[in-house]
Amino acid sequence: MASSILRALSVDFGETHGVMKRDLLTILKNANSKDSNKVAEELEEFEALFKQYLVDRKAESSTVTWDKIQALPDSAVMPYASIQKTDLSSSKELLDKLVVVKLNGGLGTSMGCQGPKSLISVRNDQTFLDLSVRQIENLNSKYKSNVPLVLMNSFYTHEDTLKIKPKYERRVPLYMFMQSCYPRIERETLRPLADSPYSDKQCWYPPGHGDIYRSLMHSGLMDKFIEQGREYIFISNIDNLGATVDLNILNFIVQSMADSKKHCEFAMEVTDKTRADVKGGTLIHYEDRLRLLEIAQVPKDKIDEFKSISKFKIFNTNNLWVSLKAIKRLLEEDKLEMEVIVNPKTLENGTNVIQLENAAGAAIKNFNGAMGINVPRSRFLPVKKTSDLLIVMSNLYQIQPDGSLVMNPGRSYPSVPLVKLGDIHFSKVKDFLRRFDSIPDMLELDHLTVSGDVTMGKNVSLK
């Protein structure tokens, strides 16, 4: 296999691409024999991504043409309230078609923690992974089903997550696979930093969650699940505590696939924008297709318009429901297209690099009958910073026996408060916890901004 990919990489595409091709061949030749097929496969896919980046850069097409954005058709986004309630007697039959995939590639470093973010305690000493397992375990017990939980790890998180796998294996069918590993590119020269596979982790990166489709196929799990009769995957970020299996959405998609006129192969959960979500990707109609628009693809002079809640009223939660057979078909026909996201980084040693990535939601434009579902805000409860952690640890939420978090019925407002904690004193979980003798009462809070060296005692109520 490696030799055939060596030949595939021999197709030239200008001087810059030619230099990259030679550098990738060097990396491949330096691979261990046991890793060579995997390395070759990933480098071939990276080379295709790099080629797309060069084409976009030359054509200056990394951003959308603003005047080409069309109004969303009424049928593009369905309100959740209009989805028919599921007959619970058919729940097991529905769940037998489902695979739950959690995106588990991120570290907890942004919150001052070592190791996978999924292992951070978020509520009652339970981690993101604990709660995810508990939710699937409860689902399977309640409906006598056997829904598998799949974790897509990155090379940053894979080993640490594997170590704790035995803790959960008797509770749920648990699978893991590692997503691709691509070489970082030096920003000025557009050449890879690495000269051999995985020699220095600083030289490599996981290419975003859009890599899930190819990595799931390469893992062998896609074919395994299709053979088992499973038809859909529900993808979500593991740090989104609101992303639980929704039987109404699952039933809607199953029923639509039986209707040749609807035939929804891809559904993206969106929700209404608030002032806290102005940077989130949104759905647009572009060149007669439904498409995800990320802020990185917006022309600089249109950023304020993109952030406007009046024009772009919804954003992507990254809760995605996708047909397994449709993914397989598009990959085999080489028709799974996603926009390249250029992510600039500065390494610890000061080297400026770029990472070429894809977003999982960007695949929406390739699928038949793709649509958005405007879900309640409760299905989007991410924990990205300690300010989010304060919200989910507080009495604003109650943890249910099934591991889900629901808004405290004692709160008068349907939305959560806007909380901003100072980065210097609160950004790390350890420092954050030290500043609260107990988590304050936040039931009547609307907005909180804390800056400076602040601590809070016991029995504090914020209003």
Foldseek 3Di string as FASTA:
>chain_A
DLVVLLVVLPDDDDDLLVQQSVLLVLQLVQEDPVCNVVSSVLSSVVSVLVSLVVVCVVVVQLAPDVVQFDADPPLFAAAPVPQDDDDLVCLQVLLLQEEEEAEFADAPVQQPDGATQQCDQQAPRAGLVNLVLLLVLVSCVVNVHAHEYEYAYEPRHPVVVVVCVVVRVVRHRYYYFYFGKAFWAFPPSRYQPDSYPPPDNVGIDHFEPLRVLVRCVVVVVLVVSVVSVHWKYWYAYSQFLLAHDDSSVSVVQVVQCVPPVQNAQKEFEKAFDDLVCLQAWAWTQGPNFIFIDGLQNHPPVCSVVSSDCVPGTIHTLRGMMGTSVQSVVCVVVVNQDFRWRWAWDQDPVGGITIRTHGYNRRSQRRDPNYHYYHYQCSSGQGDDFVQSSLQSHEQQWDADSSSHIDGDPLAPDSDAAAEAEACVQCGHPVSVVVQECGREHERDPHYYYYDDDHHYYPHHHHD
